[in-house]
Each structure stands twice: as structure tokens, then as C-alpha cells.
PDB file of N, CA and C in Angstrom:
ATOM      1  N   MET A   1    -128.504-134.161  53.915  1.00  0.00           N
ATOM      2  CA  MET A   1    -127.018-133.544  53.793  1.00  0.00           C
ATOM      3  C   MET A   1    -127.089-132.068  54.270  1.00  0.00           C
ATOM      4  N   LEU A   2    -125.988-132.020  55.305  1.00  0.00           N
ATOM      5  CA  LEU A   2    -125.571-130.811  55.909  1.00  0.00           C
ATOM      6  C   LEU A   2    -125.080-129.864  55.202  1.00  0.00           C
ATOM      7  N   LEU A   3    -125.453-129.030  54.710  1.00  0.00           N
ATOM      8  CA  LEU A   3    -124.997-127.849  53.874  1.00  0.00           C
ATOM      9  C   LEU A   3    -124.418-126.464  54.837  1.00  0.00           C
ATOM     10  N   LEU A   4    -123.222-126.479  54.979  1.00  0.00           N
ATOM     11  CA  LEU A   4    -122.281-125.606  55.858  1.00  0.00           C
ATOM     12  C   LEU A   4    -122.359-124.147  54.498  1.00  0.00           C
ATOM     13  N   MET A   5    -122.961-123.155  55.374  1.00  0.00           N
ATOM     14  CA  MET A   5    -123.309-121.705  54.545  1.00  0.00           C
ATOM     15  C   MET A   5    -121.835-120.586  54.870  1.00  0.00           C
ATOM     16  N   GLU A   6    -121.631-120.256  54.362  1.00  0.00           N
ATOM     17  CA  GLU A   6    -120.376-119.107  54.372  1.00  0.00           C
ATOM     18  C   GLU A   6    -120.468-118.054  55.036  1.00  0.00           C
ATOM     19  N   GLU A   7    -120.102-117.561  56.416  1.00  0.00           N
ATOM     20  CA  GLU A   7    -120.480-116.294  56.992  1.00  0.00           C
ATOM     21  C   GLU A   7    -119.208-115.212  56.286  1.00  0.00           C
ATOM     22  N   VAL A   8    -119.760-113.734  56.179  1.00  0.00           N
ATOM     23  CA  VAL A   8    -119.092-112.781  55.740  1.00  0.00           C
ATOM     24  C   VAL A   8    -119.273-112.014  56.829  1.00  0.00           C
ATOM     25  N   THR A   9    -118.154-111.094  56.691  1.00  0.00           N
ATOM     26  CA  THR A   9    -118.425-110.122  57.326  1.00  0.00           C
ATOM     27  C   THR A   9    -119.395-108.844  56.833  1.00  0.00           C
ATOM     28  N   PRO A  10    -119.704-107.747  57.462  1.00  0.00           N
ATOM     29  CA  PRO A  10    -120.326-106.842  56.716  1.00  0.00           C
ATOM     30  C   PRO A  10    -119.764-106.430  55.468  1.00  0.00           C
ATOM     31  N   GLN A  11    -118.166-106.184  55.798  1.00  0.00           N
ATOM     32  CA  GLN A  11    -117.562-105.352  54.807  1.00  0.00           C
ATOM     33  C   GLN A  11    -117.550-106.289  53.698  1.00  0.00           C
ATOM     34  N   GLU A  12    -117.117-107.772  53.826  1.00  0.00           N
ATOM     35  CA  GLU A  12    -117.284-108.404  52.425  1.00  0.00           C
ATOM     36  C   GLU A  12    -118.748-108.547  52.416  1.00  0.00           C
ATOM     37  N   GLY A  13    -119.683-108.496  52.852  1.00  0.00           N
ATOM     38  CA  GLY A  13    -121.128-108.607  52.250  1.00  0.00           C
ATOM     39  C   GLY A  13    -121.345-107.610  51.288  1.00  0.00           C
ATOM     40  N   GLN A  14    -120.776-106.263  51.978  1.00  0.00           N
ATOM     41  CA  GLN A  14    -120.970-105.081  50.895  1.00  0.00           C
ATOM     42  C   GLN A  14    -120.421-105.247  49.661  1.00  0.00           C
ATOM     43  N   GLN A  15    -118.923-105.742  49.555  1.00  0.00           N
ATOM     44  CA  GLN A  15    -118.109-105.794  48.571  1.00  0.00           C
ATOM     45  C   GLN A  15    -118.696-106.624  47.277  1.00  0.00           C
ATOM     46  N   ARG A  16    -119.557-107.949  48.087  1.00  0.00           N
ATOM     47  CA  ARG A  16    -120.329-108.788  47.192  1.00  0.00           C
ATOM     48  C   ARG A  16    -121.277-108.235  46.895  1.00  0.00           C
ATOM     49  N   VAL A  17    -121.971-107.556  47.218  1.00  0.00           N
ATOM     50  CA  VAL A  17    -123.243-106.774  46.962  1.00  0.00           C
ATOM     51  C   VAL A  17    -122.975-105.741  45.236  1.00  0.00           C
ATOM     52  N   GLN A  18    -122.024-105.171  46.071  1.00  0.00           N
ATOM     53  CA  GLN A  18    -121.119-103.848  44.569  1.00  0.00           C
ATOM     54  C   GLN A  18    -120.900-104.852  43.673  1.00  0.00           C
ATOM     55  N   ASN A  19    -120.502-106.199  43.188  1.00  0.00           N
ATOM     56  CA  ASN A  19    -120.271-106.950  42.753  1.00  0.00           C
ATOM     57  C   ASN A  19    -121.444-107.902  41.868  1.00  0.00           C
ATOM     58  N   GLY A  20    -122.296-107.342  42.457  1.00  0.00           N
ATOM     59  CA  GLY A  20    -123.943-107.917  41.803  1.00  0.00           C
ATOM     60  C   GLY A  20    -124.635-108.941  42.555  1.00  0.00           C
ATOM     61  N   ALA A  21    -124.319-109.336  43.961  1.00  0.00           N
ATOM     62  CA  ALA A  21    -124.850-110.206  44.660  1.00  0.00           C
ATOM     63  C   ALA A  21    -126.207-109.334  45.170  1.00  0.00           C
ATOM     64  N   MET A  22    -127.084-110.260  45.534  1.00  0.00           N
ATOM     65  CA  MET A  22    -128.349-109.428  45.768  1.00  0.00           C
ATOM     66  C   MET A  22    -128.395-109.775  47.853  1.00  0.00           C
ATOM     67  N   LEU A  23    -128.740-108.411  48.385  1.00  0.00           N
ATOM     68  CA  LEU A  23    -128.775-108.695  50.018  1.00  0.00           C
ATOM     69  C   LEU A  23    -130.139-108.883  50.211  1.00  0.00           C
ATOM     70  N   VAL A  24    -130.466-109.965  50.867  1.00  0.00           N
ATOM     71  CA  VAL A  24    -131.980-110.262  51.490  1.00  0.00           C
ATOM     72  C   VAL A  24    -131.959-109.984  52.921  1.00  0.00           C
ATOM     73  N   ASP A  25    -133.021-109.317  53.224  1.00  0.00           N
ATOM     74  CA  ASP A  25    -133.143-108.848  54.528  1.00  0.00           C
ATOM     75  C   ASP A  25    -134.383-109.957  55.193  1.00  0.00           C
ATOM     76  N   VAL A  26    -134.307-110.809  56.176  1.00  0.00           N
ATOM     77  CA  VAL A  26    -135.653-111.473  56.256  1.00  0.00           C
ATOM     78  C   VAL A  26    -136.236-111.062  57.696  1.00  0.00           C
ATOM     79  N   ARG A  27    -136.020-110.058  57.812  1.00  0.00           N
ATOM     80  CA  ARG A  27    -136.789-109.258  59.498  1.00  0.00           C
ATOM     81  C   ARG A  27    -138.181-108.951  59.017  1.00  0.00           C
ATOM     82  N   GLU A  28    -139.045-108.885  60.109  1.00  0.00           N
ATOM     83  CA  GLU A  28    -140.311-108.337  59.551  1.00  0.00           C
ATOM     84  C   GLU A  28    -140.231-106.793  58.933  1.00  0.00           C
ATOM     85  N   GLN A  29    -141.358-106.027  58.027  1.00  0.00           N
ATOM     86  CA  GLN A  29    -141.587-105.236  58.150  1.00  0.00           C
ATOM     87  C   GLN A  29    -141.355-103.884  58.608  1.00  0.00           C
ATOM     88  N   SER A  30    -141.958-104.433  59.975  1.00  0.00           N
ATOM     89  CA  SER A  30    -141.472-103.070  60.937  1.00  0.00           C
ATOM     90  C   SER A  30    -139.784-102.666  61.216  1.00  0.00           C
ATOM     91  N   GLU A  31    -139.299-103.801  61.277  1.00  0.00           N
ATOM     92  CA  GLU A  31    -137.840-103.952  61.726  1.00  0.00           C
ATOM     93  C   GLU A  31    -137.238-103.352  60.759  1.00  0.00           C
ATOM     94  N   TYR A  32    -137.525-103.929  59.341  1.00  0.00           N
ATOM     95  CA  TYR A  32    -137.011-103.379  58.146  1.00  0.00           C
ATOM     96  C   TYR A  32    -137.134-101.658  58.020  1.00  0.00           C
ATOM     97  N   ASP A  33    -138.558-101.327  58.215  1.00  0.00           N
ATOM     98  CA  ASP A  33    -138.912 -99.888  57.793  1.00  0.00           C
ATOM     99  C   ASP A  33    -137.821 -98.784  59.264  1.00  0.00           C
ATOM    100  N   GLU A  34    -137.366 -99.607  60.318  1.00  0.00           N
ATOM    101  CA  GLU A  34    -136.732 -99.029  61.198  1.00  0.00           C
ATOM    102  C   GLU A  34    -135.201 -98.525  60.807  1.00  0.00           C
ATOM    103  N   VAL A  35    -134.806 -99.812  60.214  1.00  0.00           N
ATOM    104  CA  VAL A  35    -133.210 -99.596  59.402  1.00  0.00           C
ATOM    105  C   VAL A  35    -132.905-100.730  58.661  1.00  0.00           C
ATOM    106  N   HIS A  36    -132.404-100.629  57.597  1.00  0.00           N
ATOM    107  CA  HIS A  36    -131.893-101.728  57.339  1.00  0.00           C
ATOM    108  C   HIS A  36    -130.793-101.247  56.098  1.00  0.00           C
ATOM    109  N   ALA A  37    -129.749-102.075  55.896  1.00  0.00           N
ATOM    110  CA  ALA A  37    -129.090-101.932  55.124  1.00  0.00           C
ATOM    111  C   ALA A  37    -129.103-101.560  53.805  1.00  0.00           C
ATOM    112  N   GLN A  38    -128.346-100.273  53.400  1.00  0.00           N
ATOM    113  CA  GLN A  38    -129.078 -99.874  51.935  1.00  0.00           C
ATOM    114  C   GLN A  38    -128.754-100.781  50.962  1.00  0.00           C
ATOM    115  N   GLY A  39    -129.984-100.811  50.210  1.00  0.00           N
ATOM    116  CA  GLY A  39    -130.079-101.544  49.027  1.00  0.00           C
ATOM    117  C   GLY A  39    -130.784-102.963  49.329  1.00  0.00           C
ATOM    118  N   ALA A  40    -131.027-103.389  50.614  1.00  0.00           N
ATOM    119  CA  ALA A  40    -131.094-104.492  50.946  1.00  0.00           C
ATOM    120  C   ALA A  40    -132.545-105.195  50.532  1.00  0.00           C
ATOM    121  N   ALA A  41    -133.301-106.014  50.205  1.00  0.00           N
ATOM    122  CA  ALA A  41    -134.350-106.336  49.318  1.00  0.00           C
ATOM    123  C   ALA A  41    -135.275-106.892  50.324  1.00  0.00           C
ATOM    124  N   LEU A  42    -136.768-106.830  50.973  1.00  0.00           N
ATOM    125  CA  LEU A  42    -137.013-107.427  52.209  1.00  0.00           C
ATOM    126  C   LEU A  42    -137.856-108.932  51.648  1.00  0.00           C
ATOM    127  N   LEU A  43    -137.601-109.604  52.180  1.00  0.00           N
ATOM    128  CA  LEU A  43    -138.577-111.300  52.010  1.00  0.00           C
ATOM    129  C   LEU A  43    -138.555-111.595  53.622  1.00  0.00           C
ATOM    130  N   PRO A  44    -139.511-111.225  54.218  1.00  0.00           N
ATOM    131  CA  PRO A  44    -139.863-111.525  55.520  1.00  0.00           C
ATOM    132  C   PRO A  44    -139.474-113.090  55.886  1.00  0.00           C
ATOM    133  N   LEU A  45    -138.681-113.782  56.983  1.00  0.00           N
ATOM    134  CA  LEU A  45    -139.001-114.955  56.989  1.00  0.00           C
ATOM    135  C   LEU A  45    -139.859-115.782  57.398  1.00  0.00           C
ATOM    136  N   SER A  46    -140.940-115.229  57.827  1.00  0.00           N
ATOM    137  CA  SER A  46    -142.510-115.655  57.792  1.00  0.00           C
ATOM    138  C   SER A  46    -142.945-116.135  56.593  1.00  0.00           C
ATOM    139  N   GLU A  47    -142.329-115.386  55.316  1.00  0.00           N
ATOM    140  CA  GLU A  47    -142.956-115.786  54.095  1.00  0.00           C
ATOM    141  C   GLU A  47    -142.036-116.442  53.234  1.00  0.00           C
ATOM    142  N   LEU A  48    -140.879-116.743  53.876  1.00  0.00           N
ATOM    143  CA  LEU A  48    -139.655-117.396  52.803  1.00  0.00           C
ATOM    144  C   LEU A  48    -140.240-118.155  52.290  1.00  0.00           C
ATOM    145  N   GLU A  49    -140.919-119.681  53.137  1.00  0.00           N
ATOM    146  CA  GLU A  49    -141.415-120.839  52.094  1.00  0.00           C
ATOM    147  C   GLU A  49    -142.276-120.481  50.962  1.00  0.00           C
ATOM    148  N   SER A  50    -143.093-119.362  51.022  1.00  0.00           N
ATOM    149  CA  SER A  50    -144.275-119.011  50.072  1.00  0.00           C
ATOM    150  C   SER A  50    -143.439-118.140  49.135  1.00  0.00           C
ATOM    151  N   ARG A  51    -142.265-117.664  49.268  1.00  0.00           N
ATOM    152  CA  ARG A  51    -141.967-116.739  48.579  1.00  0.00           C
ATOM    153  C   ARG A  51    -140.691-116.573  47.664  1.00  0.00           C
ATOM    154  N   PHE A  52    -139.762-117.899  48.256  1.00  0.00           N
ATOM    155  CA  PHE A  52    -138.601-117.765  47.961  1.00  0.00           C
ATOM    156  C   PHE A  52    -138.138-117.952  46.627  1.00  0.00           C
ATOM    157  N   SER A  53    -139.107-118.377  45.881  1.00  0.00           N
ATOM    158  CA  SER A  53    -139.202-118.869  44.296  1.00  0.00           C
ATOM    159  C   SER A  53    -138.850-117.006  43.560  1.00  0.00           C
ATOM    160  N   GLU A  54    -139.176-116.201  44.310  1.00  0.00           N
ATOM    161  CA  GLU A  54    -138.963-114.941  43.815  1.00  0.00           C
ATOM    162  C   GLU A  54    -137.276-114.719  44.198  1.00  0.00           C
ATOM    163  N   LEU A  55    -136.309-115.121  44.602  1.00  0.00           N
ATOM    164  CA  LEU A  55    -135.205-114.800  44.377  1.00  0.00           C
ATOM    165  C   LEU A  55    -134.510-115.662  43.266  1.00  0.00           C
ATOM    166  N   PRO A  56    -133.385-114.973  42.813  1.00  0.00           N
ATOM    167  CA  PRO A  56    -132.722-115.305  41.669  1.00  0.00           C
ATOM    168  C   PRO A  56    -131.839-116.429  42.199  1.00  0.00           C
ATOM    169  N   LYS A  57    -131.722-117.588  41.390  1.00  0.00           N
ATOM    170  CA  LYS A  57    -130.778-118.604  41.360  1.00  0.00           C
ATOM    171  C   LYS A  57    -129.811-118.377  40.665  1.00  0.00           C
ATOM    172  N   ASP A  58    -129.702-117.355  40.113  1.00  0.00           N
ATOM    173  CA  ASP A  58    -128.296-117.317  39.136  1.00  0.00           C
ATOM    174  C   ASP A  58    -127.209-116.080  39.747  1.00  0.00           C
ATOM    175  N   LYS A  59    -127.795-115.643  40.843  1.00  0.00           N
ATOM    176  CA  LYS A  59    -126.970-114.515  41.534  1.00  0.00           C
ATOM    177  C   LYS A  59    -126.690-115.257  43.088  1.00  0.00           C
ATOM    178  N   GLU A  60    -125.560-114.431  43.647  1.00  0.00           N
ATOM    179  CA  GLU A  60    -125.089-114.683  45.089  1.00  0.00           C
ATOM    180  C   GLU A  60    -126.220-113.914  45.683  1.00  0.00           C
ATOM    181  N   LEU A  61    -126.529-114.791  47.079  1.00  0.00           N
ATOM    182  CA  LEU A  61    -127.492-113.927  47.875  1.00  0.00           C
ATOM    183  C   LEU A  61    -126.875-113.879  49.264  1.00  0.00           C
ATOM    184  N   VAL A  62    -126.629-112.467  49.800  1.00  0.00           N
ATOM    185  CA  VAL A  62    -126.087-112.026  51.188  1.00  0.00           C
ATOM    186  C   VAL A  62    -127.260-111.746  52.041  1.00  0.00           C
ATOM    187  N   MET A  63    -127.496-113.094  52.755  1.00  0.00           N
ATOM    188  CA  MET A  63    -128.418-112.879  53.809  1.00  0.00           C
ATOM    189  C   MET A  63    -128.498-112.408  54.996  1.00  0.00           C
ATOM    190  N   ILE A  64    -129.327-111.278  55.651  1.00  0.00           N
ATOM    191  CA  ILE A  64    -129.498-110.499  56.680  1.00  0.00           C
ATOM    192  C   ILE A  64    -130.588-110.487  57.208  1.00  0.00           C
ATOM    193  N   CYS A  65    -129.910-109.965  58.634  1.00  0.00           N
ATOM    194  CA  CYS A  65    -131.439-109.896  59.443  1.00  0.00           C
ATOM    195  C   CYS A  65    -130.973-108.748  60.474  1.00  0.00           C
ATOM    196  N   ARG A  66    -131.140-109.077  61.989  1.00  0.00           N
ATOM    197  CA  ARG A  66    -130.646-108.167  62.699  1.00  0.00           C
ATOM    198  C   ARG A  66    -129.398-108.546  63.265  1.00  0.00           C
ATOM    199  N   SER A  67    -129.051-110.004  63.726  1.00  0.00           N
ATOM    200  CA  SER A  67    -127.881-110.292  64.534  1.00  0.00           C
ATOM    201  C   SER A  67    -127.338-111.330  63.998  1.00  0.00           C
ATOM    202  N   GLY A  68    -127.761-111.913  62.591  1.00  0.00           N
ATOM    203  CA  GLY A  68    -127.461-113.054  62.079  1.00  0.00           C
ATOM    204  C   GLY A  68    -127.989-114.298  62.345  1.00  0.00           C
ATOM    205  N   ALA A  69    -129.058-114.703  63.098  1.00  0.00           N
ATOM    206  CA  ALA A  69    -129.564-115.975  63.496  1.00  0.00           C
ATOM    207  C   ALA A  69    -130.333-116.323  62.288  1.00  0.00           C
ATOM    208  N   ARG A  70    -131.764-115.433  61.923  1.00  0.00           N
ATOM    209  CA  ARG A  70    -132.861-115.441  60.837  1.00  0.00           C
ATOM    210  C   ARG A  70    -132.490-115.345  59.689  1.00  0.00           C
ATOM    211  N   SER A  71    -131.242-115.042  59.284  1.00  0.00           N
ATOM    212  CA  SER A  71    -130.927-114.879  58.102  1.00  0.00           C
ATOM    213  C   SER A  71    -129.618-116.264  57.698  1.00  0.00           C
ATOM    214  N   LYS A  72    -129.007-116.651  58.643  1.00  0.00           N
ATOM    215  CA  LYS A  72    -128.612-117.952  58.982  1.00  0.00           C
ATOM    216  C   LYS A  72    -129.565-119.231  58.762  1.00  0.00           C
ATOM    217  N   GLN A  73    -130.604-119.128  59.253  1.00  0.00           N
ATOM    218  CA  GLN A  73    -131.964-119.991  59.180  1.00  0.00           C
ATOM    219  C   GLN A  73    -132.295-120.161  57.466  1.00  0.00           C
ATOM    220  N   ALA A  74    -132.723-118.836  57.361  1.00  0.00           N
ATOM    221  CA  ALA A  74    -133.129-118.279  55.618  1.00  0.00           C
ATOM    222  C   ALA A  74    -132.413-119.085  54.946  1.00  0.00           C
ATOM    223  N   GLY A  75    -131.130-118.802  55.179  1.00  0.00           N
ATOM    224  CA  GLY A  75    -129.803-119.333  54.111  1.00  0.00           C
ATOM    225  C   GLY A  75    -129.925-120.885  54.009  1.00  0.00           C
ATOM    226  N   GLU A  76    -129.784-121.315  55.116  1.00  0.00           N
ATOM    227  CA  GLU A  76    -129.969-122.721  55.227  1.00  0.00           C
ATOM    228  C   GLU A  76    -131.203-123.153  54.475  1.00  0.00           C
ATOM    229  N   TYR A  77    -132.480-122.782  54.437  1.00  0.00           N
ATOM    230  CA  TYR A  77    -133.526-123.134  53.998  1.00  0.00           C
ATOM    231  C   TYR A  77    -133.242-123.142  52.258  1.00  0.00           C
ATOM    232  N   LEU A  78    -133.119-121.995  52.121  1.00  0.00           N
ATOM    233  CA  LEU A  78    -132.432-121.591  50.691  1.00  0.00           C
ATOM    234  C   LEU A  78    -131.543-122.579  50.377  1.00  0.00           C
ATOM    235  N   MET A  79    -130.950-122.967  50.896  1.00  0.00           N
ATOM    236  CA  MET A  79    -129.441-124.201  50.156  1.00  0.00           C
ATOM    237  C   MET A  79    -130.228-125.472  50.088  1.00  0.00           C
ATOM    238  N   GLN A  80    -131.127-125.739  50.906  1.00  0.00           N
ATOM    239  CA  GLN A  80    -131.720-127.064  51.027  1.00  0.00           C
ATOM    240  C   GLN A  80    -132.826-126.866  49.766  1.00  0.00           C
ATOM    241  N   SER A  81    -133.364-125.839  49.322  1.00  0.00           N
ATOM    242  CA  SER A  81    -134.352-125.461  48.308  1.00  0.00           C
ATOM    243  C   SER A  81    -133.683-125.509  46.846  1.00  0.00           C
ATOM    244  N   GLY A  82    -132.318-125.703  46.740  1.00  0.00           N
ATOM    245  CA  GLY A  82    -131.372-125.579  45.447  1.00  0.00           C
ATOM    246  C   GLY A  82    -130.766-124.543  45.155  1.00  0.00           C
ATOM    247  N   TYR A  83    -130.637-123.716  46.128  1.00  0.00           N
ATOM    248  CA  TYR A  83    -129.681-122.270  46.048  1.00  0.00           C
ATOM    249  C   TYR A  83    -128.489-122.867  46.517  1.00  0.00           C
ATOM    250  N   SER A  84    -127.758-122.510  45.249  1.00  0.00           N
ATOM    251  CA  SER A  84    -126.417-122.677  45.615  1.00  0.00           C
ATOM    252  C   SER A  84    -125.225-121.407  46.187  1.00  0.00           C
ATOM    253  N   LYS A  85    -125.476-120.404  45.649  1.00  0.00           N
ATOM    254  CA  LYS A  85    -124.587-119.556  46.365  1.00  0.00           C
ATOM    255  C   LYS A  85    -125.713-118.314  47.246  1.00  0.00           C
ATOM    256  N   VAL A  86    -124.990-118.887  48.549  1.00  0.00           N
ATOM    257  CA  VAL A  86    -126.266-118.176  49.633  1.00  0.00           C
ATOM    258  C   VAL A  86    -125.112-117.839  50.327  1.00  0.00           C
ATOM    259  N   VAL A  87    -125.003-116.721  51.227  1.00  0.00           N
ATOM    260  CA  VAL A  87    -123.610-116.662  52.103  1.00  0.00           C
ATOM    261  C   VAL A  87    -124.701-115.831  53.543  1.00  0.00           C
ATOM    262  N   ASN A  88    -124.165-115.885  54.774  1.00  0.00           N
ATOM    263  CA  ASN A  88    -124.799-115.142  55.825  1.00  0.00           C
ATOM    264  C   ASN A  88    -124.204-113.751  56.380  1.00  0.00           C
ATOM    265  N   LEU A  89    -124.402-112.921  56.023  1.00  0.00           N
ATOM    266  CA  LEU A  89    -123.723-111.526  56.887  1.00  0.00           C
ATOM    267  C   LEU A  89    -123.525-111.662  58.494  1.00  0.00           C
ATOM    268  N   SER A  90    -122.587-112.294  59.054  1.00  0.00           N
ATOM    269  CA  SER A  90    -122.543-112.589  60.347  1.00  0.00           C
ATOM    270  C   SER A  90    -122.613-110.916  61.122  1.00  0.00           C
ATOM    271  N   GLY A  91    -123.435-110.895  62.186  1.00  0.00           N
ATOM    272  CA  GLY A  91    -123.902-109.797  63.112  1.00  0.00           C
ATOM    273  C   GLY A  91    -124.815-109.369  62.367  1.00  0.00           C
ATOM    274  N   GLY A  92    -125.091-109.185  61.168  1.00  0.00           N
ATOM    275  CA  GLY A  92    -126.384-108.790  60.638  1.00  0.00           C
ATOM    276  C   GLY A  92    -126.435-107.301  60.593  1.00  0.00           C
ATOM    277  N   THR A  93    -127.721-106.736  60.509  1.00  0.00           N
ATOM    278  CA  THR A  93    -127.749-105.417  60.357  1.00  0.00           C
ATOM    279  C   THR A  93    -127.383-104.497  61.575  1.00  0.00           C
ATOM    280  N   MET A  94    -127.015-105.079  62.747  1.00  0.00           N
ATOM    281  CA  MET A  94    -126.251-104.175  63.740  1.00  0.00           C
ATOM    282  C   MET A  94    -124.934-104.261  63.675  1.00  0.00           C
ATOM    283  N   ALA A  95    -124.298-105.035  63.052  1.00  0.00           N
ATOM    284  CA  ALA A  95    -122.722-105.317  62.722  1.00  0.00           C
ATOM    285  C   ALA A  95    -122.654-104.448  61.390  1.00  0.00           C
ATOM    286  N   TRP A  96    -123.503-104.327  60.689  1.00  0.00           N
ATOM    287  CA  TRP A  96    -123.496-103.383  58.992  1.00  0.00           C
ATOM    288  C   TRP A  96    -123.417-101.960  59.673  1.00  0.00           C
ATOM    289  N   ALA A  97    -124.274-101.769  60.450  1.00  0.00           N
ATOM    290  CA  ALA A  97    -124.449-100.355  61.052  1.00  0.00           C
ATOM    291  C   ALA A  97    -123.443-100.022  61.810  1.00  0.00           C
ATOM    292  N   ALA A  98    -122.974-100.924  62.439  1.00  0.00           N
ATOM    293  CA  ALA A  98    -121.867-100.456  63.416  1.00  0.00           C
ATOM    294  C   ALA A  98    -120.617-100.146  62.814  1.00  0.00           C
ATOM    295  N   ALA A  99    -120.274-100.820  61.385  1.00  0.00           N
ATOM    296  CA  ALA A  99    -119.099-100.925  60.385  1.00  0.00           C
ATOM    297  C   ALA A  99    -119.242 -99.431  60.080  1.00  0.00           C
ATOM    298  N   GLY A 100    -120.276 -98.663  59.979  1.00  0.00           N
ATOM    299  CA  GLY A 100    -120.357 -97.576  59.177  1.00  0.00           C
ATOM    300  C   GLY A 100    -120.774 -97.620  57.815  1.00  0.00           C
ATOM    301  N   LEU A 101    -121.290 -98.629  57.619  1.00  0.00           N
ATOM    302  CA  LEU A 101    -121.953 -99.062  56.257  1.00  0.00           C
ATOM    303  C   LEU A 101    -123.415 -98.214  56.116  1.00  0.00           C
ATOM    304  N   PRO A 102    -123.611 -97.951  54.910  1.00  0.00           N
ATOM    305  CA  PRO A 102    -124.893 -97.194  54.617  1.00  0.00           C
ATOM    306  C   PRO A 102    -126.168 -98.031  55.150  1.00  0.00           C
ATOM    307  N   THR A 103    -127.429 -96.976  55.707  1.00  0.00           N
ATOM    308  CA  THR A 103    -128.338 -97.565  56.191  1.00  0.00           C
ATOM    309  C   THR A 103    -129.425 -96.757  55.295  1.00  0.00           C
ATOM    310  N   GLU A 104    -130.720 -97.317  55.337  1.00  0.00           N
ATOM    311  CA  GLU A 104    -131.938 -96.320  55.446  1.00  0.00           C
ATOM    312  C   GLU A 104    -133.011 -96.648  56.280  1.00  0.00           C
ATOM    313  N   GLY A 105    -134.067 -95.820  56.083  1.00  0.00           N
ATOM    314  CA  GLY A 105    -134.984 -96.293  57.007  1.00  0.00           C
ATOM    315  C   GLY A 105    -135.068 -95.090  58.640  1.00  0.00           C
ATOM    316  N   GLU A 106    -136.152 -95.382  59.126  1.00  0.00           N
ATOM    317  CA  GLU A 106    -136.776 -94.291  59.988  1.00  0.00           C
ATOM    318  C   GLU A 106    -135.616 -93.701  60.707  1.00  0.00           C
ATOM    319  N   SER A 107    -134.467 -94.328  61.455  1.00  0.00           N
ATOM    320  CA  SER A 107    -133.830 -93.927  62.471  1.00  0.00           C
ATOM    321  C   SER A 107    -132.265 -93.672  61.799  1.00  0.00           C
ATOM    322  N   SER A 108    -132.313 -93.870  60.229  1.00  0.00           N
ATOM    323  CA  SER A 108    -130.855 -93.547  59.887  1.00  0.00           C
ATOM    324  C   SER A 108    -131.108 -92.201  59.556  1.00  0.00           C
TER     325      SER A 108
END
């Protein structure tokens, strides 16, 4: 069964996080250290299969990566693994930063 994941803009993603959703960055540690959306939790895609159970099932998850491709892949995996409230942040961290939303890291 193919599950379609909702895509949200950076502004919508930030709004959802402010309303209690969890922002999950699936990039690797070095990319995350360089710059990430403020408040994002790091769970690299390479570790997702072994660590996804750390993520809450009772909260909406807003998935983010650099441009939106890896986070979409991660979100689809989570949905197939029984998570129902998962959305993908369209455009990823690049779009988040371009929208002027708060970032943290070495280059922010």
C-alpha cells in the first residue's frame, strides 16, 4: 500500500513545531553541525532503521533534510513502520533558511 505523505512549507512546518510537532533532521552529523533548523532533533537516515523507535508515535513528526529528498524517504519508511502523523518539509533546510526561519550551527 502506497502511503502519500503531506508536504508542508517551511512556514507551515515551523507552525506545526510551535504547536507541538517534533522536527526530525535526517542528515548526517557533519551536515547538521554546519547548519540546522532551530530545535531540530538529529536522527541520520543511515541510523533510521535501528533507531526509529526512539521517535514518539503520539506526536506529529516534521521530517527535514537538506532539500527534501532524504526526509521524504525517511518519512515514508516511518509511515510503513506504523507512524501515522508524518509530514515532509518541502525544500528542506535550504528552504527553511531561505525563508528567514531560525537556524543553529557553525554557519548560522
